[in-house]
C-alpha cells in the first residue's frame, strides 16, 4: 500500500518548535557561560554552577530527542553504527506486525469479549434508554420525517411495477415452495394455548348479537336470501299463510343460540368449535395428513392462477401508490399514525418493567452472541488494516496523534535536566567550599 502524504497537525508543529527552541536556548546558554567564565574569572564558581545546569539541559534535551526519534525512524540515517544500536531504532515500523496483533487483541479483550459485553449491558438499562428516546416527541418526529422523505424516493427509484413483478416472480415462488401447514398449525397452537380464540369468539358473538337485534329489516332480508339459496323460500312463504313466520322463528332461534353461547363459557357449541380447532391443529402438524395436503394444494392452485397473480401485482402497485401519495402530503395520515405508534411504543417500554427486563435480556443475549461470533473477524480486520499501512503512513498517523505530547517531553527534558544540573552544581560548589 503506497504512502499518501499526511499533513501534520498544528499541535505537533507547535510542540516540535518549542522543543527545538528549548534545546537551542540550552546550547546557547552553555556556550555563553563558557565564554563568560573566561571573561569574568572572579565569578567562575557561580558560572560553573550555571554551566553545569546548561550542560545537563542540553544532555536531557538531546537524550529525549534521541529516545523519541528512534521510536519512528533511524536518527543516524546512512551513517554506519553498531548493530546493537541499529536494532533498537525504528521501533514502531520494525514491530508493526506485533503492534497490529496487540491492538486487535486489546480491542477484543477490553471491548468485544462476551464477558465484557455482558457486564457492560448488565449495568445499563438499554431498553429504558431506547424507550425514552422513542417517547421523546422531537425524536419520534425526526424518525417519521426520515421515513416520510425516504419511502417515496425509494418507490420512485424502484418503481411500483417493478416491486409488483418482483413479488410475483420471487415472493410468490417462495410461498409456493413453502409448506404452510406447519405455520398454520403453530399459529393455531398459539391462539388456542393463550385462549385468544375465546376472546375472538366472544367479541364475534357480541357483534353478531348486537347487529341482528338492531337491524331487524336487514336480518330478515338476509334470511330471505338464505332461504332462496337453500330452495326453501316457497315453503317458508307458504307456512306464513297458516300463521307460521318461519323467518322470524329462524331469527329468534339464532338470537337465542347466540345469547346462550354468550352466557355459558362451557356451551356445547363452544366446546365443539374448540374440539374442531384442536383436531385441525393436530392434522396440520402432520405434513402427510389430508388437511395439510389440501391446504397446500389450495395454496398452489391459487398462486398458479394468472388472475390471482395479476390481482397481487395490481394490489401492490395500488398500495405503493397510495402510500407514496399519502406520505408526500404535509398532513400525511400514515406519517402521523406512525409517529404516534413510535411514541406509544416508547411509552409502553418505559412503563413496563417486565417488558424492559425481557428486552434487555434478549438484547444482551444477541450482543453476546454477536461478539462471540464476530470479535475474531473484527480483530482480523484491524490487524490486516494495520499490516496494509505503509510504514511511513503508519508513523505519520501515530505521530500526528501523540507526537505533540512526545515532543513536549523534549522540552521537559531540557527543563528538568537544567534543574537537576543546577542542583548538582550547587551541591558540588557547597562541597568544594566546605572542604
Protein backbone atom coordinates (compact mmCIF):
# COMPACT_ATOMS: atom_id res chain seq x y z
CA UNK A 1 0.00 0.00 0.00
CA UNK A 2 1.62 3.26 -1.09
CA UNK A 3 2.05 6.02 1.40
CA UNK A 4 -0.03 9.12 0.94
CA UNK A 5 1.30 12.47 2.14
CA UNK A 6 -0.03 13.24 5.60
CA UNK A 7 -0.43 16.79 6.86
CA UNK A 8 0.99 17.39 10.32
CA UNK A 9 -1.35 18.86 12.91
CA UNK A 10 -0.78 22.39 14.29
CA UNK A 11 -0.22 21.00 17.81
CA UNK A 12 2.54 18.70 16.51
CA UNK A 13 4.27 21.55 14.67
CA UNK A 14 3.98 23.75 17.74
CA UNK A 15 5.46 21.08 20.04
CA UNK A 16 8.38 20.48 17.66
CA UNK A 17 9.05 24.21 17.52
CA UNK A 18 9.01 24.58 21.31
CA UNK A 19 11.32 21.57 21.71
CA UNK A 20 13.79 22.96 19.19
CA UNK A 21 13.72 26.43 20.80
CA UNK A 22 14.33 24.92 24.27
CA UNK A 23 17.30 22.89 23.01
CA UNK A 24 18.81 25.83 21.12
CA UNK A 25 18.42 28.08 24.20
CA UNK A 26 20.19 25.47 26.35
CA UNK A 27 23.05 25.15 23.85
CA UNK A 28 23.45 28.94 23.52
CA UNK A 29 23.37 29.32 27.33
CA UNK A 30 26.03 26.64 27.69
CA UNK A 31 28.31 28.31 25.09
CA UNK A 32 27.68 31.77 26.55
CA UNK A 33 28.57 30.59 30.04
CA UNK A 34 31.83 29.04 28.81
CA UNK A 35 32.76 32.40 27.28
CA UNK A 36 31.64 34.22 30.43
CA UNK A 37 33.92 32.02 32.55
CA UNK A 38 36.93 33.39 30.61
CA UNK A 39 35.74 36.99 30.80
CA UNK A 40 34.73 37.01 34.48
CA UNK A 41 37.16 34.70 36.30
CA UNK A 42 36.22 36.18 39.65
CA UNK A 43 32.69 34.72 39.26
CA UNK A 44 33.82 31.39 37.86
CA UNK A 45 32.32 29.43 40.77
CA UNK A 46 28.84 30.80 40.02
CA UNK A 47 29.29 30.43 36.26
CA UNK A 48 30.33 26.78 36.71
CA UNK A 49 27.10 26.10 38.59
CA UNK A 50 25.05 27.68 35.81
CA UNK A 51 27.19 25.96 33.16
CA UNK A 52 26.51 22.57 34.73
CA UNK A 53 22.78 23.37 34.62
CA UNK A 54 23.01 24.32 30.93
CA UNK A 55 25.06 21.21 30.11
CA UNK A 56 22.51 18.97 31.84
CA UNK A 57 19.71 20.74 29.93
CA UNK A 58 21.49 20.09 26.62
CA UNK A 59 22.10 16.44 27.54
CA UNK A 60 18.48 15.98 28.69
CA UNK A 61 17.11 17.59 25.52
CA UNK A 62 19.35 15.56 23.21
CA UNK A 63 18.65 12.32 25.10
CA UNK A 64 14.89 12.81 24.87
CA UNK A 65 15.19 13.80 21.19
CA UNK A 66 17.06 10.56 20.53
CA UNK A 67 14.60 8.45 22.55
CA UNK A 68 11.59 9.90 20.74
CA UNK A 69 13.19 9.79 17.28
CA UNK A 70 14.17 6.11 17.46
CA UNK A 71 10.51 5.26 18.05
CA UNK A 72 9.72 6.34 14.49
CA UNK A 73 12.96 6.39 12.45
CA UNK A 74 16.71 5.89 12.45
CA UNK A 75 18.28 9.20 13.57
CA UNK A 76 21.70 8.18 12.15
CA UNK A 77 20.50 7.91 8.57
CA UNK A 78 23.12 6.06 6.49
CA UNK A 79 25.90 6.55 8.99
CA UNK A 80 27.32 3.10 9.90
CA UNK A 81 26.63 2.35 13.54
CA UNK A 82 26.98 -0.80 15.68
CA UNK A 83 24.28 -3.39 15.17
CA UNK A 84 23.11 -3.28 18.78
CA UNK A 85 22.26 0.42 18.29
CA UNK A 86 20.69 0.00 14.86
CA UNK A 87 18.49 -2.88 16.05
CA UNK A 88 16.88 -0.51 18.54
CA UNK A 89 15.94 2.23 16.10
CA UNK A 90 12.69 2.50 14.06
CA UNK A 91 10.97 0.63 16.88
CA UNK A 92 7.39 1.18 15.69
CA UNK A 93 7.96 0.28 11.99
CA UNK A 94 10.01 -2.81 12.95
CA UNK A 95 7.25 -4.03 15.26
CA UNK A 96 4.29 -3.17 13.04
CA UNK A 97 3.06 -6.78 12.91
CA UNK A 98 3.25 -7.16 16.69
CA UNK A 99 1.52 -3.81 17.18
CA UNK A 100 -1.25 -4.84 14.79
CA UNK A 101 -1.79 -8.09 16.67
CA UNK A 102 -1.63 -6.34 20.05
CA UNK A 103 -4.15 -3.68 19.02
CA UNK A 104 -6.53 -6.33 17.76
CA UNK A 105 -6.23 -8.31 20.98
CA UNK A 106 -6.61 -5.16 23.05
CA UNK A 107 -9.89 -4.32 21.31
CA UNK A 108 -11.15 -7.88 21.74
CA UNK A 109 -10.18 -8.26 25.40
CA UNK A 110 -11.35 -4.82 26.51
CA UNK A 111 -14.36 -4.13 24.27
CA UNK A 112 -15.60 -7.15 22.30
CA UNK A 113 -15.20 -10.17 24.56
CA UNK A 114 -18.53 -11.77 25.51
CA UNK A 115 -17.79 -11.26 29.20
CA UNK A 116 -17.10 -7.53 28.78
CA UNK A 117 -20.18 -7.04 26.58
CA UNK A 118 -22.41 -8.93 29.04
CA UNK A 119 -21.04 -6.97 32.00
CA UNK A 120 -21.48 -3.60 30.26
CA UNK A 121 -25.04 -4.35 29.20
CA UNK A 122 -25.95 -5.71 32.65
CA UNK A 123 -25.04 -2.34 34.14
CA UNK A 124 -27.14 -0.39 31.63
CA UNK A 125 -30.90 -0.35 31.11
CA UNK A 126 -30.65 -0.21 27.32
CA UNK A 127 -34.37 -0.70 26.72
CA UNK A 128 -35.21 2.19 29.05
CA UNK A 129 -32.87 4.46 27.11
CA UNK A 130 -34.45 3.28 23.84
CA UNK A 131 -37.95 3.82 25.23
CA UNK A 132 -37.10 7.32 26.47
CA UNK A 133 -35.58 8.18 23.10
CA UNK A 134 -38.61 6.92 21.17
CA UNK A 135 -41.07 8.61 23.55
CA UNK A 136 -39.38 11.98 23.06
CA UNK A 137 -41.60 13.96 20.62
CA UNK A 138 -38.61 15.51 18.86
CA UNK A 139 -37.02 12.11 18.25
CA UNK A 140 -40.10 10.26 17.02
CA UNK A 141 -40.91 13.24 14.80
CA UNK A 142 -37.44 13.08 13.28
CA UNK A 143 -37.76 9.34 12.66
CA UNK A 144 -41.13 9.88 11.00
CA UNK A 145 -39.75 12.70 8.84
CA UNK A 146 -36.90 10.50 7.66
CA UNK A 147 -39.36 7.75 6.72
CA UNK A 148 -41.69 10.28 5.10
CA UNK A 149 -38.84 11.66 2.98
CA UNK A 150 -37.17 8.35 2.15
CA UNK A 151 -40.00 5.95 1.30
CA UNK A 152 -41.48 7.99 -1.62
CA UNK A 153 -37.98 8.33 -3.11
CA UNK A 154 -37.44 4.58 -2.80
CA UNK A 155 -40.76 3.91 -4.56
CA UNK A 156 -39.87 6.45 -7.23
CA UNK A 157 -36.42 4.96 -7.72
CA UNK A 158 -37.56 1.34 -7.81
CA UNK A 159 -40.98 1.76 -9.43
CA UNK A 160 -44.20 0.19 -8.19
CA UNK A 161 -44.47 -2.05 -11.27
CA UNK A 162 -41.01 -3.44 -10.59
CA UNK A 163 -41.98 -4.13 -6.99
CA UNK A 164 -45.09 -5.94 -8.17
CA UNK A 165 -43.14 -8.02 -10.68
CA UNK A 166 -40.50 -8.83 -8.06
CA UNK A 167 -43.17 -10.09 -5.68
CA UNK A 168 -44.81 -12.06 -8.46
CA UNK A 169 -41.58 -13.74 -9.63
CA UNK A 170 -39.80 -14.19 -6.29
CA UNK A 171 -42.04 -13.95 -3.26
CA UNK A 172 -44.89 -15.88 -4.85
CA UNK A 173 -42.48 -18.62 -5.91
CA UNK A 174 -41.08 -18.74 -2.37
CA UNK A 175 -44.60 -19.12 -0.95
CA UNK A 176 -45.30 -21.88 -3.48
CA UNK A 177 -42.20 -23.77 -2.37
CA UNK A 178 -43.14 -23.37 1.31
CA UNK A 179 -45.35 -25.91 3.05
CA UNK A 180 -47.64 -23.66 5.05
CA UNK A 181 -49.39 -26.39 7.04
CA UNK A 182 -46.76 -26.26 9.83
CA UNK A 183 -47.03 -22.47 10.02
CA UNK A 184 -50.81 -22.69 10.19
CA UNK A 185 -50.61 -25.37 12.89
CA UNK A 186 -48.23 -23.30 15.05
CA UNK A 187 -50.42 -20.21 14.65
CA UNK A 188 -53.45 -22.19 15.76
CA UNK A 189 -51.46 -23.61 18.71
CA UNK A 190 -50.52 -20.08 19.84
CA UNK A 191 -54.14 -18.96 19.57
CA UNK A 192 -55.57 -21.96 21.40
CA UNK A 193 -52.97 -22.12 24.18
CA UNK A 194 -53.46 -18.44 25.02
CA UNK A 195 -57.28 -18.60 24.73
CA UNK A 196 -57.25 -15.92 22.05
CA UNK A 197 -59.93 -17.85 20.22
CA UNK A 198 -62.29 -17.44 23.17
CA UNK A 199 -61.84 -13.67 23.10
CA UNK A 200 -62.35 -13.58 19.35
CA UNK A 201 -65.43 -15.79 19.59
CA UNK A 202 -66.87 -13.70 22.43
CA UNK A 203 -66.36 -10.47 20.54
CA UNK A 204 -67.74 -12.01 17.36
CA UNK A 205 -70.86 -13.21 19.13
CA UNK A 206 -71.33 -9.80 20.76
CA UNK A 207 -71.07 -8.07 17.40
CA UNK A 208 -73.41 -10.56 15.70
CA UNK A 209 -75.99 -10.32 18.50
CA UNK A 210 -75.88 -6.53 18.51
CA UNK A 211 -76.20 -6.27 14.75
CA UNK A 212 -79.11 -8.75 14.48
CA UNK A 213 -81.09 -7.11 17.27
CA UNK A 214 -80.52 -3.57 15.96
CA UNK A 215 -81.09 -4.30 12.26
CA UNK A 216 -84.27 -6.38 12.03
CA UNK A 217 -85.07 -5.50 8.41
CA UNK A 218 -81.60 -6.33 7.14
CA UNK A 219 -81.68 -9.56 9.14
CA UNK A 220 -84.99 -10.57 7.53
CA UNK A 221 -83.54 -9.77 4.12
CA UNK A 222 -80.54 -11.98 4.82
CA UNK A 223 -82.73 -14.88 5.91
CA UNK A 224 -84.90 -14.41 2.83
CA UNK A 225 -81.79 -14.61 0.61
CA UNK A 226 -80.55 -17.65 2.52
CA UNK A 227 -83.90 -19.45 2.13
CA UNK A 228 -83.88 -18.72 -1.59
CA UNK A 229 -80.35 -20.13 -1.94
CA UNK A 230 -81.38 -23.23 0.02
CA UNK A 231 -84.52 -23.60 -2.10
CA UNK A 232 -86.94 -23.43 0.85
CA UNK A 233 -88.24 -19.91 0.31
CA UNK A 234 -91.52 -21.08 -1.20
CA UNK A 235 -92.03 -23.47 1.72
CA UNK A 236 -91.35 -20.70 4.25
CA UNK A 237 -93.66 -18.33 2.38
CA UNK A 238 -96.42 -20.97 2.26
CA UNK A 239 -96.05 -21.56 6.02
CA UNK A 240 -96.69 -17.86 6.61
CA UNK A 241 -100.19 -18.31 5.12
CA UNK A 242 -101.15 -20.50 8.03
CA UNK A 243 -99.65 -18.11 10.59
CA UNK A 244 -96.19 -19.60 10.94
CA UNK A 245 -93.45 -16.99 10.43
CA UNK A 246 -90.51 -19.26 9.59
CA UNK A 247 -88.19 -16.28 9.03
CA UNK A 248 -88.80 -14.77 12.43
CA UNK A 249 -88.64 -18.12 14.17
CA UNK A 250 -85.28 -18.76 12.49
CA UNK A 251 -84.02 -15.33 13.59
CA UNK A 252 -85.34 -15.81 17.13
CA UNK A 253 -83.74 -19.25 17.32
CA UNK A 254 -80.43 -17.80 16.12
CA UNK A 255 -80.54 -14.99 18.69
CA UNK A 256 -81.39 -17.49 21.41
CA UNK A 257 -78.42 -19.69 20.43
CA UNK A 258 -76.08 -16.72 20.38
CA UNK A 259 -77.30 -15.48 23.77
CA UNK A 260 -76.92 -18.94 25.29
CA UNK A 261 -73.35 -19.16 23.95
CA UNK A 262 -72.60 -15.69 25.34
CA UNK A 263 -73.92 -16.63 28.75
CA UNK A 264 -72.27 -20.05 29.03
CA UNK A 265 -68.47 -20.37 28.52
CA UNK A 266 -68.92 -24.14 28.59
CA UNK A 267 -71.62 -24.17 25.93
CA UNK A 268 -71.54 -27.35 23.79
CA UNK A 269 -71.13 -25.30 20.61
CA UNK A 270 -68.12 -23.53 22.11
CA UNK A 271 -66.62 -26.88 23.07
CA UNK A 272 -67.39 -28.22 19.60
CA UNK A 273 -65.60 -25.27 17.97
CA UNK A 274 -62.56 -25.79 20.22
CA UNK A 275 -62.57 -29.52 19.53
CA UNK A 276 -62.64 -28.92 15.77
CA UNK A 277 -59.81 -26.38 16.09
CA UNK A 278 -57.69 -28.78 18.18
CA UNK A 279 -58.25 -31.57 15.68
CA UNK A 280 -57.37 -29.30 12.74
CA UNK A 281 -54.23 -28.12 14.54
CA UNK A 282 -53.10 -31.72 15.03
CA UNK A 283 -53.91 -32.58 11.42
CA UNK A 284 -51.95 -29.61 10.06
CA UNK A 285 -48.91 -30.56 12.17
CA UNK A 286 -48.69 -33.76 10.07
CA UNK A 287 -47.50 -32.87 6.54
CA UNK A 288 -48.96 -36.10 5.17
CA UNK A 289 -52.48 -35.56 6.53
CA UNK A 290 -55.40 -34.79 4.23
CA UNK A 291 -55.85 -31.35 5.78
CA UNK A 292 -52.19 -30.42 5.13
CA UNK A 293 -52.23 -31.75 1.59
CA UNK A 294 -55.49 -29.98 0.84
CA UNK A 295 -54.23 -26.68 2.30
CA UNK A 296 -51.00 -26.77 0.28
CA UNK A 297 -52.84 -27.83 -2.89
CA UNK A 298 -55.30 -24.97 -2.48
CA UNK A 299 -52.44 -22.52 -1.89
CA UNK A 300 -50.58 -23.70 -5.01
CA UNK A 301 -53.74 -23.63 -7.10
CA UNK A 302 -54.39 -20.02 -6.11
CA UNK A 303 -50.81 -18.98 -6.86
CA UNK A 304 -50.91 -20.77 -10.23
CA UNK A 305 -53.91 -18.71 -11.26
CA UNK A 306 -53.00 -15.80 -13.62
CA UNK A 307 -55.94 -13.84 -12.23
CA UNK A 308 -54.61 -14.17 -8.67
CA UNK A 309 -51.08 -13.17 -9.73
CA UNK A 310 -52.38 -10.18 -11.65
CA UNK A 311 -54.50 -9.22 -8.66
CA UNK A 312 -51.47 -9.40 -6.34
CA UNK A 313 -49.35 -7.31 -8.71
CA UNK A 314 -52.11 -4.75 -9.16
CA UNK A 315 -52.80 -4.61 -5.45
CA UNK A 316 -49.10 -3.98 -4.72
CA UNK A 317 -48.99 -1.16 -7.29
CA UNK A 318 -52.14 0.42 -5.88
CA UNK A 319 -50.88 0.07 -2.30
CA UNK A 320 -47.47 1.57 -3.14
CA UNK A 321 -49.09 4.47 -4.96
CA UNK A 322 -51.45 5.13 -2.06
CA UNK A 323 -48.59 5.04 0.48
CA UNK A 324 -46.38 7.32 -1.64
CA UNK A 325 -49.13 9.86 -2.29
CA UNK A 326 -50.10 9.97 1.38
CA UNK A 327 -46.51 10.34 2.61
CA UNK A 328 -45.91 13.22 0.19
CA UNK A 329 -48.67 15.24 1.85
CA UNK A 330 -47.72 17.74 4.55
CA UNK A 331 -50.51 16.36 6.77
CA UNK A 332 -49.85 12.69 5.96
CA UNK A 333 -52.12 10.39 7.92
CA UNK A 334 -49.69 7.46 7.65
CA UNK A 335 -46.82 9.59 8.95
CA UNK A 336 -48.86 10.87 11.89
CA UNK A 337 -50.12 7.39 12.78
CA UNK A 338 -46.56 6.10 12.54
CA UNK A 339 -45.30 8.90 14.82
CA UNK A 340 -47.99 8.16 17.39
CA UNK A 341 -47.21 4.43 17.19
CA UNK A 342 -43.48 5.06 17.75
CA UNK A 343 -44.25 7.32 20.72
CA UNK A 344 -46.62 4.75 22.21
CA UNK A 345 -44.02 2.01 21.83
CA UNK A 346 -41.54 4.18 23.72
CA UNK A 347 -44.05 4.95 26.47
CA UNK A 348 -45.03 1.30 26.78
CA UNK A 349 -41.39 0.30 27.15
CA UNK A 350 -40.87 2.95 29.87
CA UNK A 351 -43.97 1.97 31.84
CA UNK A 352 -43.48 -1.80 31.64
CA UNK A 353 -40.54 -3.05 33.78
CA UNK A 354 -41.20 -6.68 32.84
CA UNK A 355 -41.03 -5.84 29.15
CA UNK A 356 -37.83 -3.85 29.67
CA UNK A 357 -36.24 -6.78 31.50
CA UNK A 358 -37.21 -9.13 28.69
CA UNK A 359 -35.86 -6.75 26.03
CA UNK A 360 -32.63 -6.22 27.96
CA UNK A 361 -32.13 -9.97 28.27
CA UNK A 362 -32.79 -10.50 24.57
CA UNK A 363 -30.52 -7.63 23.50
CA UNK A 364 -27.79 -8.76 25.88
CA UNK A 365 -28.01 -12.32 24.59
CA UNK A 366 -27.92 -11.09 20.99
CA UNK A 367 -24.96 -8.77 21.65
CA UNK A 368 -23.02 -11.51 23.44
CA UNK A 369 -23.65 -13.94 20.58
CA UNK A 370 -22.56 -11.35 18.01
CA UNK A 371 -19.42 -10.52 19.96
CA UNK A 372 -18.62 -14.21 20.29
CA UNK A 373 -19.15 -14.82 16.57
CA UNK A 374 -17.59 -11.70 15.08
CA UNK A 375 -14.92 -10.48 17.53
CA UNK A 376 -12.26 -12.58 15.80
CA UNK A 377 -13.28 -11.09 12.45
CA UNK A 378 -13.04 -7.59 13.87
CA UNK A 379 -9.58 -8.35 15.24
CA UNK A 380 -8.53 -9.79 11.88
CA UNK A 381 -9.85 -6.70 10.09
CA UNK A 382 -7.93 -4.35 12.42
CA UNK A 383 -4.74 -6.38 12.10
CA UNK A 384 -4.96 -6.63 8.32
CA UNK A 385 -5.68 -2.93 8.02
CA UNK A 386 -2.58 -2.05 10.09
CA UNK A 387 -0.50 -4.58 8.12
CA UNK A 388 -1.60 -2.85 4.91
CA UNK A 389 -0.41 0.54 6.13
CA UNK A 390 2.85 1.73 4.66
CA UNK A 391 5.42 2.26 7.42
CA UNK A 392 5.66 5.94 6.56
CA UNK A 393 1.88 6.30 6.68
CA UNK A 394 1.73 4.45 10.00
CA UNK A 395 4.42 6.68 11.51
CA UNK A 396 2.62 9.81 10.31
CA UNK A 397 -0.69 8.64 11.79
CA UNK A 398 0.80 7.80 15.18
CA UNK A 399 2.99 10.91 15.29
CA UNK A 400 0.04 13.13 14.42
CA UNK A 401 -1.98 11.63 17.26
CA UNK A 402 0.59 11.52 20.06
CA UNK A 403 3.64 13.30 18.63
CA UNK A 404 2.64 16.63 20.15
CA UNK A 405 2.90 15.23 23.67
CA UNK A 406 6.04 13.27 22.82
CA UNK A 407 7.91 16.34 21.57
CA UNK A 408 6.84 18.29 24.65
CA UNK A 409 8.80 15.64 26.56
CA UNK A 410 11.89 17.09 24.85
CA UNK A 411 11.05 20.47 26.38
CA UNK A 412 10.63 18.79 29.75
CA UNK A 413 13.99 17.04 29.23
CA UNK A 414 15.74 20.38 28.79
CA UNK A 415 13.98 21.98 31.77
CA UNK A 416 14.28 19.00 34.12
CA UNK A 417 17.88 18.37 33.05
CA UNK A 418 18.77 22.00 33.66
CA UNK A 419 17.16 21.90 37.08
CA UNK A 420 18.96 18.69 38.04
CA UNK A 421 22.25 20.14 36.76
CA UNK A 422 21.66 23.27 38.82
CA UNK A 423 21.08 21.21 41.96
CA UNK A 424 24.19 19.12 41.27
CA UNK A 425 26.22 22.26 40.65
CA UNK A 426 25.10 23.79 43.93
CA UNK A 427 25.97 20.55 45.77
CA UNK A 428 29.43 20.47 44.14
CA UNK A 429 30.06 24.12 45.00
CA UNK A 430 28.96 23.52 48.60
CA UNK A 431 31.27 20.51 48.93
CA UNK A 432 34.22 22.44 47.46
CA UNK A 433 33.55 25.38 49.76
CA UNK A 434 33.32 23.22 52.89
CA UNK A 435 36.36 21.09 52.08
